[in-house]
Amino acid sequence: QEQLAESGGGSVQAGGSLRLSCVASRSISRINVMGWYRQPPGKQRELVASITSGGRMNYADSVKGRFTISRDNSKNTVTVYLQMNSLKPEDTAVYYCNAIWTSYSSTWGQGTLVTVSS
């Protein structure tokens, strides 16, 4: 069963930076898209950024210019990073990693909390 391992959440003051990591224990050949979603308190989960197996990136308008998604491939693992700069209180949320596999099934990470204080 495919699994994703997330790390990197925490608390930071507005204007600060954090980097989230998500490790998929599969090769890039098994992955269509990996992305980061977030769910602010009391709100629905939303896409933050995604990257396809071909390297095409997509960002929510609210994070463009502040967040950067990137990926490292090894033989049997893929690590996706979300570098978050110029953080704002409204970025406070639980951040989830997601992978859509070539089988078209989807896997979610356990979530990591990011808290930005003003």
PDB file of N, CA and C in Angstrom:
ATOM      1  N   GLN A   1       0.850  -1.183   0.000  1.00  0.00           N
ATOM      2  CA  GLN A   1       0.000   0.000   0.000  1.00  0.00           C
ATOM      3  C   GLN A   1       0.884   1.231   0.000  1.00  0.00           C
ATOM      4  N   GLU A   2       0.545   2.158  -0.932  1.00  0.00           N
ATOM      5  CA  GLU A   2       1.355   3.354  -1.001  1.00  0.00           C
ATOM      6  C   GLU A   2       1.146   4.234   0.231  1.00  0.00           C
ATOM      7  N   GLN A   3       2.214   4.841   0.704  1.00  0.00           N
ATOM      8  CA  GLN A   3       2.135   5.742   1.847  1.00  0.00           C
ATOM      9  C   GLN A   3       2.959   6.984   1.581  1.00  0.00           C
ATOM     10  N   LEU A   4       2.564   8.047   2.248  1.00  0.00           N
ATOM     11  CA  LEU A   4       3.288   9.304   2.161  1.00  0.00           C
ATOM     12  C   LEU A   4       3.705   9.718   3.562  1.00  0.00           C
ATOM     13  N   ALA A   5       4.919  10.188   3.702  1.00  0.00           N
ATOM     14  CA  ALA A   5       5.436  10.624   5.001  1.00  0.00           C
ATOM     15  C   ALA A   5       5.737  12.108   4.936  1.00  0.00           C
ATOM     16  N   GLU A   6       5.019  12.877   5.726  1.00  0.00           N
ATOM     17  CA  GLU A   6       5.159  14.331   5.738  1.00  0.00           C
ATOM     18  C   GLU A   6       5.978  14.777   6.943  1.00  0.00           C
ATOM     19  N   SER A   7       6.631  15.921   6.774  1.00  0.00           N
ATOM     20  CA  SER A   7       7.332  16.549   7.891  1.00  0.00           C
ATOM     21  C   SER A   7       7.505  18.027   7.601  1.00  0.00           C
ATOM     22  N   GLY A   8       7.824  18.791   8.643  1.00  0.00           N
ATOM     23  CA  GLY A   8       8.204  20.176   8.440  1.00  0.00           C
ATOM     24  C   GLY A   8       7.247  21.229   8.929  1.00  0.00           C
ATOM     25  N   GLY A   9       6.094  20.858   9.448  1.00  0.00           N
ATOM     26  CA  GLY A   9       5.175  21.866   9.950  1.00  0.00           C
ATOM     27  C   GLY A   9       5.696  22.497  11.223  1.00  0.00           C
ATOM     28  N   GLY A  10       4.980  23.499  11.700  1.00  0.00           N
ATOM     29  CA  GLY A  10       5.374  24.155  12.936  1.00  0.00           C
ATOM     30  C   GLY A  10       4.744  25.520  13.052  1.00  0.00           C
ATOM     31  N   SER A  11       5.269  26.288  13.990  1.00  0.00           N
ATOM     32  CA  SER A  11       4.761  27.630  14.251  1.00  0.00           C
ATOM     33  C   SER A  11       5.803  28.655  13.843  1.00  0.00           C
ATOM     34  N   VAL A  12       5.327  29.737  13.257  1.00  0.00           N
ATOM     35  CA  VAL A  12       6.233  30.776  12.786  1.00  0.00           C
ATOM     36  C   VAL A  12       5.497  32.111  12.834  1.00  0.00           C
ATOM     37  N   GLN A  13       6.247  33.177  12.944  1.00  0.00           N
ATOM     38  CA  GLN A  13       5.631  34.499  12.909  1.00  0.00           C
ATOM     39  C   GLN A  13       5.420  34.936  11.467  1.00  0.00           C
ATOM     40  N   ALA A  14       4.481  35.827  11.290  1.00  0.00           N
ATOM     41  CA  ALA A  14       4.198  36.365   9.955  1.00  0.00           C
ATOM     42  C   ALA A  14       5.479  36.910   9.327  1.00  0.00           C
ATOM     43  N   GLY A  15       5.641  36.595   8.052  1.00  0.00           N
ATOM     44  CA  GLY A  15       6.857  36.981   7.344  1.00  0.00           C
ATOM     45  C   GLY A  15       7.934  35.915   7.342  1.00  0.00           C
ATOM     46  N   GLY A  16       7.750  34.909   8.159  1.00  0.00           N
ATOM     47  CA  GLY A  16       8.734  33.848   8.260  1.00  0.00           C
ATOM     48  C   GLY A  16       8.585  32.797   7.174  1.00  0.00           C
ATOM     49  N   SER A  17       9.393  31.752   7.288  1.00  0.00           N
ATOM     50  CA  SER A  17       9.431  30.692   6.282  1.00  0.00           C
ATOM     51  C   SER A  17       9.390  29.322   6.938  1.00  0.00           C
ATOM     52  N   LEU A  18       8.848  28.381   6.207  1.00  0.00           N
ATOM     53  CA  LEU A  18       8.870  26.971   6.588  1.00  0.00           C
ATOM     54  C   LEU A  18       9.015  26.142   5.318  1.00  0.00           C
ATOM     55  N   ARG A  19       9.553  24.948   5.472  1.00  0.00           N
ATOM     56  CA  ARG A  19       9.606  24.023   4.348  1.00  0.00           C
ATOM     57  C   ARG A  19       8.983  22.696   4.758  1.00  0.00           C
ATOM     58  N   LEU A  20       8.034  22.261   3.975  1.00  0.00           N
ATOM     59  CA  LEU A  20       7.385  20.979   4.182  1.00  0.00           C
ATOM     60  C   LEU A  20       8.000  19.950   3.237  1.00  0.00           C
ATOM     61  N   SER A  21       8.067  18.709   3.716  1.00  0.00           N
ATOM     62  CA  SER A  21       8.583  17.606   2.912  1.00  0.00           C
ATOM     63  C   SER A  21       7.580  16.473   2.895  1.00  0.00           C
ATOM     64  N   CYS A  22       7.528  15.777   1.785  1.00  0.00           N
ATOM     65  CA  CYS A  22       6.644  14.620   1.643  1.00  0.00           C
ATOM     66  C   CYS A  22       7.406  13.552   0.866  1.00  0.00           C
ATOM     67  N   VAL A  23       7.571  12.400   1.472  1.00  0.00           N
ATOM     68  CA  VAL A  23       8.302  11.312   0.840  1.00  0.00           C
ATOM     69  C   VAL A  23       7.334  10.219   0.422  1.00  0.00           C
ATOM     70  N   ALA A  24       7.378   9.872  -0.845  1.00  0.00           N
ATOM     71  CA  ALA A  24       6.604   8.754  -1.380  1.00  0.00           C
ATOM     72  C   ALA A  24       7.578   7.615  -1.663  1.00  0.00           C
ATOM     73  N   SER A  25       7.291   6.482  -1.083  1.00  0.00           N
ATOM     74  CA  SER A  25       8.207   5.342  -1.244  1.00  0.00           C
ATOM     75  C   SER A  25       7.876   4.569  -2.510  1.00  0.00           C
ATOM     76  N   ARG A  26       7.903   5.302  -3.614  1.00  0.00           N
ATOM     77  CA  ARG A  26       7.685   4.720  -4.929  1.00  0.00           C
ATOM     78  C   ARG A  26       8.537   5.495  -5.922  1.00  0.00           C
ATOM     79  N   SER A  27       8.822   4.905  -7.048  1.00  0.00           N
ATOM     80  CA  SER A  27       9.589   5.623  -8.055  1.00  0.00           C
ATOM     81  C   SER A  27       8.692   6.601  -8.803  1.00  0.00           C
ATOM     82  N   ILE A  28       9.316   7.569  -9.451  1.00  0.00           N
ATOM     83  CA  ILE A  28       8.581   8.586 -10.188  1.00  0.00           C
ATOM     84  C   ILE A  28       7.734   7.966 -11.288  1.00  0.00           C
ATOM     85  N   SER A  29       8.109   6.806 -11.759  1.00  0.00           N
ATOM     86  CA  SER A  29       7.355   6.162 -12.833  1.00  0.00           C
ATOM     87  C   SER A  29       5.971   5.722 -12.387  1.00  0.00           C
ATOM     88  N   ARG A  30       5.750   5.682 -11.064  1.00  0.00           N
ATOM     89  CA  ARG A  30       4.449   5.248 -10.548  1.00  0.00           C
ATOM     90  C   ARG A  30       3.544   6.428 -10.212  1.00  0.00           C
ATOM     91  N   ILE A  31       4.030   7.645 -10.447  1.00  0.00           N
ATOM     92  CA  ILE A  31       3.319   8.838  -9.982  1.00  0.00           C
ATOM     93  C   ILE A  31       2.863   9.697 -11.160  1.00  0.00           C
ATOM     94  N   ASN A  32       1.609  10.140 -11.101  1.00  0.00           N
ATOM     95  CA  ASN A  32       1.111  11.118 -12.064  1.00  0.00           C
ATOM     96  C   ASN A  32       1.323  12.540 -11.566  1.00  0.00           C
ATOM     97  N   VAL A  33       0.829  12.797 -10.369  1.00  0.00           N
ATOM     98  CA  VAL A  33       0.879  14.144  -9.800  1.00  0.00           C
ATOM     99  C   VAL A  33       1.094  14.034  -8.296  1.00  0.00           C
ATOM    100  N   MET A  34       1.900  14.921  -7.752  1.00  0.00           N
ATOM    101  CA  MET A  34       1.968  15.083  -6.300  1.00  0.00           C
ATOM    102  C   MET A  34       1.682  16.538  -5.974  1.00  0.00           C
ATOM    103  N   GLY A  35       1.036  16.725  -4.852  1.00  0.00           N
ATOM    104  CA  GLY A  35       0.680  18.092  -4.507  1.00  0.00           C
ATOM    105  C   GLY A  35       0.504  18.294  -3.022  1.00  0.00           C
ATOM    106  N   TRP A  36       0.359  19.546  -2.678  1.00  0.00           N
ATOM    107  CA  TRP A  36       0.075  19.954  -1.310  1.00  0.00           C
ATOM    108  C   TRP A  36      -1.292  20.627  -1.261  1.00  0.00           C
ATOM    109  N   TYR A  37      -2.099  20.218  -0.315  1.00  0.00           N
ATOM    110  CA  TYR A  37      -3.378  20.828  -0.034  1.00  0.00           C
ATOM    111  C   TYR A  37      -3.336  21.366   1.391  1.00  0.00           C
ATOM    112  N   ARG A  38      -4.271  22.233   1.695  1.00  0.00           N
ATOM    113  CA  ARG A  38      -4.370  22.697   3.078  1.00  0.00           C
ATOM    114  C   ARG A  38      -5.822  22.864   3.477  1.00  0.00           C
ATOM    115  N   GLN A  39      -6.058  22.739   4.770  1.00  0.00           N
ATOM    116  CA  GLN A  39      -7.400  22.908   5.308  1.00  0.00           C
ATOM    117  C   GLN A  39      -7.325  23.862   6.494  1.00  0.00           C
ATOM    118  N   PRO A  40      -7.710  25.118   6.277  1.00  0.00           N
ATOM    119  CA  PRO A  40      -7.728  26.075   7.386  1.00  0.00           C
ATOM    120  C   PRO A  40      -8.817  25.708   8.382  1.00  0.00           C
ATOM    121  N   PRO A  41      -8.733  26.182   9.596  1.00  0.00           N
ATOM    122  CA  PRO A  41      -9.758  25.858  10.594  1.00  0.00           C
ATOM    123  C   PRO A  41     -11.149  26.253  10.120  1.00  0.00           C
ATOM    124  N   GLY A  42     -12.068  25.317  10.146  1.00  0.00           N
ATOM    125  CA  GLY A  42     -13.447  25.584   9.782  1.00  0.00           C
ATOM    126  C   GLY A  42     -13.704  25.743   8.295  1.00  0.00           C
ATOM    127  N   LYS A  43     -12.714  25.453   7.463  1.00  0.00           N
ATOM    128  CA  LYS A  43     -12.886  25.626   6.023  1.00  0.00           C
ATOM    129  C   LYS A  43     -12.611  24.319   5.291  1.00  0.00           C
ATOM    130  N   GLN A  44     -12.888  24.337   3.986  1.00  0.00           N
ATOM    131  CA  GLN A  44     -12.675  23.145   3.184  1.00  0.00           C
ATOM    132  C   GLN A  44     -11.210  23.018   2.765  1.00  0.00           C
ATOM    133  N   ARG A  45     -10.843  21.823   2.440  1.00  0.00           N
ATOM    134  CA  ARG A  45      -9.500  21.568   1.947  1.00  0.00           C
ATOM    135  C   ARG A  45      -9.352  22.186   0.551  1.00  0.00           C
ATOM    136  N   GLU A  46      -8.193  22.784   0.306  1.00  0.00           N
ATOM    137  CA  GLU A  46      -7.946  23.448  -0.965  1.00  0.00           C
ATOM    138  C   GLU A  46      -6.558  23.117  -1.490  1.00  0.00           C
ATOM    139  N   LEU A  47      -6.423  23.147  -2.803  1.00  0.00           N
ATOM    140  CA  LEU A  47      -5.126  22.908  -3.420  1.00  0.00           C
ATOM    141  C   LEU A  47      -4.214  24.102  -3.184  1.00  0.00           C
ATOM    142  N   VAL A  48      -2.976  23.817  -2.810  1.00  0.00           N
ATOM    143  CA  VAL A  48      -1.962  24.859  -2.645  1.00  0.00           C
ATOM    144  C   VAL A  48      -1.027  24.864  -3.844  1.00  0.00           C
ATOM    145  N   ALA A  49      -0.471  23.695  -4.153  1.00  0.00           N
ATOM    146  CA  ALA A  49       0.460  23.588  -5.272  1.00  0.00           C
ATOM    147  C   ALA A  49       0.569  22.134  -5.677  1.00  0.00           C
ATOM    148  N   SER A  50       0.886  21.913  -6.951  1.00  0.00           N
ATOM    149  CA  SER A  50       1.059  20.551  -7.434  1.00  0.00           C
ATOM    150  C   SER A  50       2.171  20.515  -8.468  1.00  0.00           C
ATOM    151  N   ILE A  51       2.693  19.308  -8.679  1.00  0.00           N
ATOM    152  CA  ILE A  51       3.735  19.105  -9.681  1.00  0.00           C
ATOM    153  C   ILE A  51       3.494  17.760 -10.345  1.00  0.00           C
ATOM    154  N   THR A  52       3.485  17.754 -11.666  1.00  0.00           N
ATOM    155  CA  THR A  52       3.246  16.520 -12.394  1.00  0.00           C
ATOM    156  C   THR A  52       4.541  15.728 -12.559  1.00  0.00           C
ATOM    157  N   SER A  53       4.413  14.517 -13.021  1.00  0.00           N
ATOM    158  CA  SER A  53       5.602  13.703 -13.261  1.00  0.00           C
ATOM    159  C   SER A  53       6.511  14.350 -14.293  1.00  0.00           C
ATOM    160  N   GLY A  54       5.912  15.137 -15.177  1.00  0.00           N
ATOM    161  CA  GLY A  54       6.715  15.843 -16.178  1.00  0.00           C
ATOM    162  C   GLY A  54       7.299  17.145 -15.688  1.00  0.00           C
ATOM    163  N   GLY A  55       6.985  17.514 -14.454  1.00  0.00           N
ATOM    164  CA  GLY A  55       7.571  18.714 -13.871  1.00  0.00           C
ATOM    165  C   GLY A  55       6.733  19.971 -13.995  1.00  0.00           C
ATOM    166  N   ARG A  56       5.522  19.857 -14.519  1.00  0.00           N
ATOM    167  CA  ARG A  56       4.665  21.036 -14.626  1.00  0.00           C
ATOM    168  C   ARG A  56       4.105  21.377 -13.253  1.00  0.00           C
ATOM    169  N   MET A  57       4.218  22.635 -12.885  1.00  0.00           N
ATOM    170  CA  MET A  57       3.777  23.088 -11.572  1.00  0.00           C
ATOM    171  C   MET A  57       2.536  23.960 -11.668  1.00  0.00           C
ATOM    172  N   ASN A  58       1.752  23.909 -10.613  1.00  0.00           N
ATOM    173  CA  ASN A  58       0.525  24.691 -10.549  1.00  0.00           C
ATOM    174  C   ASN A  58       0.393  25.225  -9.131  1.00  0.00           C
ATOM    175  N   TYR A  59      -0.031  26.488  -9.017  1.00  0.00           N
ATOM    176  CA  TYR A  59      -0.152  27.125  -7.704  1.00  0.00           C
ATOM    177  C   TYR A  59      -1.509  27.787  -7.538  1.00  0.00           C
ATOM    178  N   ALA A  60      -2.004  27.780  -6.319  1.00  0.00           N
ATOM    179  CA  ALA A  60      -3.166  28.598  -5.995  1.00  0.00           C
ATOM    180  C   ALA A  60      -2.759  30.066  -6.086  1.00  0.00           C
ATOM    181  N   ASP A  61      -3.695  30.899  -6.516  1.00  0.00           N
ATOM    182  CA  ASP A  61      -3.391  32.321  -6.659  1.00  0.00           C
ATOM    183  C   ASP A  61      -2.905  32.936  -5.348  1.00  0.00           C
ATOM    184  N   SER A  62      -3.432  32.460  -4.248  1.00  0.00           N
ATOM    185  CA  SER A  62      -3.119  33.050  -2.946  1.00  0.00           C
ATOM    186  C   SER A  62      -1.673  32.816  -2.509  1.00  0.00           C
ATOM    187  N   VAL A  63      -0.979  31.873  -3.151  1.00  0.00           N
ATOM    188  CA  VAL A  63       0.397  31.567  -2.733  1.00  0.00           C
ATOM    189  C   VAL A  63       1.428  31.856  -3.815  1.00  0.00           C
ATOM    190  N   LYS A  64       0.971  32.262  -4.996  1.00  0.00           N
ATOM    191  CA  LYS A  64       1.915  32.535  -6.082  1.00  0.00           C
ATOM    192  C   LYS A  64       2.903  33.614  -5.672  1.00  0.00           C
ATOM    193  N   GLY A  65       4.168  33.354  -5.955  1.00  0.00           N
ATOM    194  CA  GLY A  65       5.219  34.303  -5.602  1.00  0.00           C
ATOM    195  C   GLY A  65       5.753  34.137  -4.199  1.00  0.00           C
ATOM    196  N   ARG A  66       5.075  33.337  -3.384  1.00  0.00           N
ATOM    197  CA  ARG A  66       5.519  33.118  -1.997  1.00  0.00           C
ATOM    198  C   ARG A  66       5.912  31.671  -1.742  1.00  0.00           C
ATOM    199  N   PHE A  67       5.199  30.735  -2.353  1.00  0.00           N
ATOM    200  CA  PHE A  67       5.443  29.308  -2.155  1.00  0.00           C
ATOM    201  C   PHE A  67       6.073  28.724  -3.411  1.00  0.00           C
ATOM    202  N   THR A  68       6.930  27.720  -3.207  1.00  0.00           N
ATOM    203  CA  THR A  68       7.556  27.024  -4.322  1.00  0.00           C
ATOM    204  C   THR A  68       7.505  25.527  -4.069  1.00  0.00           C
ATOM    205  N   ILE A  69       6.989  24.796  -5.049  1.00  0.00           N
ATOM    206  CA  ILE A  69       6.975  23.342  -4.961  1.00  0.00           C
ATOM    207  C   ILE A  69       8.143  22.812  -5.781  1.00  0.00           C
ATOM    208  N   SER A  70       8.799  21.783  -5.263  1.00  0.00           N
ATOM    209  CA  SER A  70       9.916  21.171  -5.975  1.00  0.00           C
ATOM    210  C   SER A  70       9.939  19.687  -5.664  1.00  0.00           C
ATOM    211  N   ARG A  71      10.782  18.985  -6.403  1.00  0.00           N
ATOM    212  CA  ARG A  71      10.764  17.524  -6.279  1.00  0.00           C
ATOM    213  C   ARG A  71      12.173  16.960  -6.458  1.00  0.00           C
ATOM    214  N   ASP A  72      12.506  15.957  -5.678  1.00  0.00           N
ATOM    215  CA  ASP A  72      13.734  15.177  -5.846  1.00  0.00           C
ATOM    216  C   ASP A  72      13.359  13.727  -6.112  1.00  0.00           C
ATOM    217  N   ASN A  73      13.951  13.158  -7.146  1.00  0.00           N
ATOM    218  CA  ASN A  73      13.678  11.759  -7.481  1.00  0.00           C
ATOM    219  C   ASN A  73      14.903  10.915  -7.169  1.00  0.00           C
ATOM    220  N   SER A  74      14.657   9.760  -6.594  1.00  0.00           N
ATOM    221  CA  SER A  74      15.701   8.751  -6.500  1.00  0.00           C
ATOM    222  C   SER A  74      15.130   7.494  -7.139  1.00  0.00           C
ATOM    223  N   LYS A  75      15.873   6.408  -7.069  1.00  0.00           N
ATOM    224  CA  LYS A  75      15.438   5.202  -7.765  1.00  0.00           C
ATOM    225  C   LYS A  75      14.070   4.735  -7.273  1.00  0.00           C
ATOM    226  N   ASN A  76      13.874   4.752  -5.962  1.00  0.00           N
ATOM    227  CA  ASN A  76      12.665   4.175  -5.408  1.00  0.00           C
ATOM    228  C   ASN A  76      11.865   5.110  -4.514  1.00  0.00           C
ATOM    229  N   THR A  77      12.261   6.373  -4.443  1.00  0.00           N
ATOM    230  CA  THR A  77      11.496   7.338  -3.667  1.00  0.00           C
ATOM    231  C   THR A  77      11.392   8.658  -4.409  1.00  0.00           C
ATOM    232  N   VAL A  78      10.346   9.379  -4.087  1.00  0.00           N
ATOM    233  CA  VAL A  78      10.159  10.730  -4.594  1.00  0.00           C
ATOM    234  C   VAL A  78       9.876  11.627  -3.401  1.00  0.00           C
ATOM    235  N   THR A  79      10.585  12.718  -3.294  1.00  0.00           N
ATOM    236  CA  THR A  79      10.357  13.676  -2.227  1.00  0.00           C
ATOM    237  C   THR A  79       9.885  14.982  -2.844  1.00  0.00           C
ATOM    238  N   VAL A  80       8.757  15.467  -2.356  1.00  0.00           N
ATOM    239  CA  VAL A  80       8.216  16.749  -2.816  1.00  0.00           C
ATOM    240  C   VAL A  80       8.304  17.738  -1.665  1.00  0.00           C
ATOM    241  N   TYR A  81       8.805  18.906  -1.970  1.00  0.00           N
ATOM    242  CA  TYR A  81       8.972  19.965  -0.981  1.00  0.00           C
ATOM    243  C   TYR A  81       8.005  21.113  -1.268  1.00  0.00           C
ATOM    244  N   LEU A  82       7.614  21.779  -0.219  1.00  0.00           N
ATOM    245  CA  LEU A  82       6.872  23.027  -0.356  1.00  0.00           C
ATOM    246  C   LEU A  82       7.607  24.071   0.469  1.00  0.00           C
ATOM    247  N   GLN A  83       8.318  24.952  -0.217  1.00  0.00           N
ATOM    248  CA  GLN A  83       8.994  26.050   0.447  1.00  0.00           C
ATOM    249  C   GLN A  83       8.013  27.204   0.584  1.00  0.00           C
ATOM    250  N   MET A  84       7.761  27.611   1.805  1.00  0.00           N
ATOM    251  CA  MET A  84       6.768  28.646   2.078  1.00  0.00           C
ATOM    252  C   MET A  84       7.473  29.863   2.667  1.00  0.00           C
ATOM    253  N   ASN A  85       7.468  30.946   1.931  1.00  0.00           N
ATOM    254  CA  ASN A  85       8.088  32.192   2.368  1.00  0.00           C
ATOM    255  C   ASN A  85       7.023  33.269   2.564  1.00  0.00           C
ATOM    256  N   SER A  86       7.394  34.318   3.260  1.00  0.00           N
ATOM    257  CA  SER A  86       6.484  35.442   3.502  1.00  0.00           C
ATOM    258  C   SER A  86       5.142  34.950   4.024  1.00  0.00           C
ATOM    259  N   LEU A  87       5.200  34.080   4.996  1.00  0.00           N
ATOM    260  CA  LEU A  87       3.973  33.474   5.517  1.00  0.00           C
ATOM    261  C   LEU A  87       3.074  34.517   6.163  1.00  0.00           C
ATOM    262  N   LYS A  88       1.775  34.283   6.012  1.00  0.00           N
ATOM    263  CA  LYS A  88       0.750  35.164   6.546  1.00  0.00           C
ATOM    264  C   LYS A  88      -0.126  34.385   7.521  1.00  0.00           C
ATOM    265  N   PRO A  89      -0.784  35.078   8.435  1.00  0.00           N
ATOM    266  CA  PRO A  89      -1.695  34.358   9.355  1.00  0.00           C
ATOM    267  C   PRO A  89      -2.749  33.525   8.616  1.00  0.00           C
ATOM    268  N   GLU A  90      -3.177  33.988   7.453  1.00  0.00           N
ATOM    269  CA  GLU A  90      -4.183  33.233   6.709  1.00  0.00           C
ATOM    270  C   GLU A  90      -3.621  31.960   6.065  1.00  0.00           C
ATOM    271  N   ASP A  91      -2.325  31.750   6.148  1.00  0.00           N
ATOM    272  CA  ASP A  91      -1.749  30.485   5.704  1.00  0.00           C
ATOM    273  C   ASP A  91      -1.859  29.394   6.773  1.00  0.00           C
ATOM    274  N   THR A  92      -2.337  29.767   7.946  1.00  0.00           N
ATOM    275  CA  THR A  92      -2.511  28.793   9.021  1.00  0.00           C
ATOM    276  C   THR A  92      -3.487  27.709   8.598  1.00  0.00           C
ATOM    277  N   ALA A  93      -3.051  26.458   8.681  1.00  0.00           N
ATOM    278  CA  ALA A  93      -3.871  25.339   8.220  1.00  0.00           C
ATOM    279  C   ALA A  93      -3.144  24.034   8.524  1.00  0.00           C
ATOM    280  N   VAL A  94      -3.884  22.951   8.366  1.00  0.00           N
ATOM    281  CA  VAL A  94      -3.248  21.634   8.296  1.00  0.00           C
ATOM    282  C   VAL A  94      -2.922  21.392   6.828  1.00  0.00           C
ATOM    283  N   TYR A  95      -1.677  21.102   6.560  1.00  0.00           N
ATOM    284  CA  TYR A  95      -1.213  20.876   5.189  1.00  0.00           C
ATOM    285  C   TYR A  95      -1.094  19.373   4.937  1.00  0.00           C
ATOM    286  N   TYR A  96      -1.663  18.954   3.815  1.00  0.00           N
ATOM    287  CA  TYR A  96      -1.687  17.538   3.451  1.00  0.00           C
ATOM    288  C   TYR A  96      -0.958  17.323   2.133  1.00  0.00           C
ATOM    289  N   CYS A  97      -0.146  16.302   2.095  1.00  0.00           N
ATOM    290  CA  CYS A  97       0.464  15.865   0.852  1.00  0.00           C
ATOM    291  C   CYS A  97      -0.479  14.876   0.167  1.00  0.00           C
ATOM    292  N   ASN A  98      -0.499  14.924  -1.150  1.00  0.00           N
ATOM    293  CA  ASN A  98      -1.340  14.012  -1.921  1.00  0.00           C
ATOM    294  C   ASN A  98      -0.568  13.495  -3.118  1.00  0.00           C
ATOM    295  N   ALA A  99      -0.784  12.238  -3.437  1.00  0.00           N
ATOM    296  CA  ALA A  99      -0.205  11.651  -4.643  1.00  0.00           C
ATOM    297  C   ALA A  99      -1.297  10.960  -5.439  1.00  0.00           C
ATOM    298  N   ILE A 100      -1.285  11.176  -6.738  1.00  0.00           N
ATOM    299  CA  ILE A 100      -2.142  10.434  -7.655  1.00  0.00           C
ATOM    300  C   ILE A 100      -1.227   9.526  -8.451  1.00  0.00           C
ATOM    301  N   TRP A 101      -1.455   8.243  -8.296  1.00  0.00           N
ATOM    302  CA  TRP A 101      -0.566   7.254  -8.894  1.00  0.00           C
ATOM    303  C   TRP A 101      -0.959   6.955 -10.332  1.00  0.00           C
ATOM    304  N   THR A 102      -0.115   6.253 -11.029  1.00  0.00           N
ATOM    305  CA  THR A 102      -0.443   5.899 -12.413  1.00  0.00           C
ATOM    306  C   THR A 102      -1.630   4.946 -12.481  1.00  0.00           C
ATOM    307  N   SER A 103      -1.945   4.310 -11.383  1.00  0.00           N
ATOM    308  CA  SER A 103      -3.156   3.482 -11.304  1.00  0.00           C
ATOM    309  C   SER A 103      -4.401   4.327 -11.117  1.00  0.00           C
ATOM    310  N   TYR A 104      -4.218   5.644 -10.958  1.00  0.00           N
ATOM    311  CA  TYR A 104      -5.286   6.627 -10.741  1.00  0.00           C
ATOM    312  C   TYR A 104      -5.901   6.549  -9.353  1.00  0.00           C
ATOM    313  N   SER A 105      -5.332   5.745  -8.484  1.00  0.00           N
ATOM    314  CA  SER A 105      -5.728   5.837  -7.080  1.00  0.00           C
ATOM    315  C   SER A 105      -4.997   7.010  -6.445  1.00  0.00           C
ATOM    316  N   SER A 106      -5.454   7.416  -5.280  1.00  0.00           N
ATOM    317  CA  SER A 106      -4.912   8.599  -4.619  1.00  0.00           C
ATOM    318  C   SER A 106      -4.585   8.272  -3.174  1.00  0.00           C
ATOM    319  N   THR A 107      -3.523   8.855  -2.683  1.00  0.00           N
ATOM    320  CA  THR A 107      -3.110   8.666  -1.301  1.00  0.00           C
ATOM    321  C   THR A 107      -2.891  10.017  -0.654  1.00  0.00           C
ATOM    322  N   TRP A 108      -3.336  10.136   0.612  1.00  0.00           N
ATOM    323  CA  TRP A 108      -3.128  11.347   1.396  1.00  0.00           C
ATOM    324  C   TRP A 108      -2.133  11.085   2.514  1.00  0.00           C
ATOM    325  N   GLY A 109      -1.343  12.105   2.814  1.00  0.00           N
ATOM    326  CA  GLY A 109      -0.513  12.050   3.998  1.00  0.00           C
ATOM    327  C   GLY A 109      -1.338  12.298   5.239  1.00  0.00           C
ATOM    328  N   GLN A 110      -0.683  12.226   6.396  1.00  0.00           N
ATOM    329  CA  GLN A 110      -1.402  12.349   7.660  1.00  0.00           C
ATOM    330  C   GLN A 110      -1.693  13.801   8.020  1.00  0.00           C
ATOM    331  N   GLY A 111      -1.043  14.718   7.360  1.00  0.00           N
ATOM    332  CA  GLY A 111      -1.263  16.135   7.637  1.00  0.00           C
ATOM    333  C   GLY A 111      -0.232  16.678   8.610  1.00  0.00           C
ATOM    334  N   THR A 112       0.141  17.924   8.397  1.00  0.00           N
ATOM    335  CA  THR A 112       1.079  18.599   9.303  1.00  0.00           C
ATOM    336  C   THR A 112       0.579  20.025   9.516  1.00  0.00           C
ATOM    337  N   LEU A 113       0.570  20.456  10.771  1.00  0.00           N
ATOM    338  CA  LEU A 113      -0.008  21.749  11.126  1.00  0.00           C
ATOM    339  C   LEU A 113       1.007  22.869  10.928  1.00  0.00           C
ATOM    340  N   VAL A 114       0.565  23.904  10.244  1.00  0.00           N
ATOM    341  CA  VAL A 114       1.340  25.139  10.094  1.00  0.00           C
ATOM    342  C   VAL A 114       0.550  26.260  10.758  1.00  0.00           C
ATOM    343  N   THR A 115       1.175  26.926  11.712  1.00  0.00           N
ATOM    344  CA  THR A 115       0.540  28.028  12.420  1.00  0.00           C
ATOM    345  C   THR A 115       1.372  29.285  12.230  1.00  0.00           C
ATOM    346  N   VAL A 116       0.736  30.325  11.709  1.00  0.00           N
ATOM    347  CA  VAL A 116       1.418  31.595  11.476  1.00  0.00           C
ATOM    348  C   VAL A 116       0.772  32.649  12.373  1.00  0.00           C
ATOM    349  N   SER A 117       1.568  33.219  13.239  1.00  0.00           N
ATOM    350  CA  SER A 117       1.047  34.223  14.170  1.00  0.00           C
ATOM    351  C   SER A 117       1.403  35.625  13.673  1.00  0.00           C
ATOM    352  N   SER A 118       0.524  36.550  14.009  1.00  0.00           N
ATOM    353  CA  SER A 118       0.725  37.942  13.564  1.00  0.00           C
ATOM    354  C   SER A 118       1.574  38.724  14.550  1.00  0.00           C
TER     355      SER A 118
END
